[in-house]
Amino acid sequence: MLLSRGLGANYGPMKTLTVDEAQEGFVELVSQTQKNQETFRIHHKEGEAVLLSSEENDSLLETLELLSIPDFRNNIRDSIEEAEKGETLSFEKVFGEVQ
C-alpha cells in the first residue's frame, strides 16, 4: 500500500510503506534498492526509517563530506571556468613525467 510520495535516490517518487508491508516484501525491497536505486520510506508508529542501497548511502555521505569543505563549490566553479578558458596544465607539467 502506497502511503505517500517524496523524492528518492533516483529522484523519482519515494514509496512509503508501513513496517508490515516492508517486512512482507523485504527481500524484494532490498533487490529493488540494488537493481533500480529505489529508496523506500518505512513508516512505523515510533517513527520512520529509509531503506536505500549501500552505494547510494556512500554517495550521499561523500557528497556531504565534500560540501562541508569550506569554499569547495567555489573552487570547483573556478576550476571549471579555468578549464573552459583553456587555462590548464599538461600531465607532464603537473606530475613531472611523460604520459
Foldseek 3Di string as FASTA:
>chain_A
DFDDWDQALVRDTAGEEEPVVCVVCVVVVQVCLVPPVHKHWYDDPVGIDIDHDPVSVVVVVVVVVQVVPPCSVVVVVVVVVCVVVVVDDDPCVVVVDDD
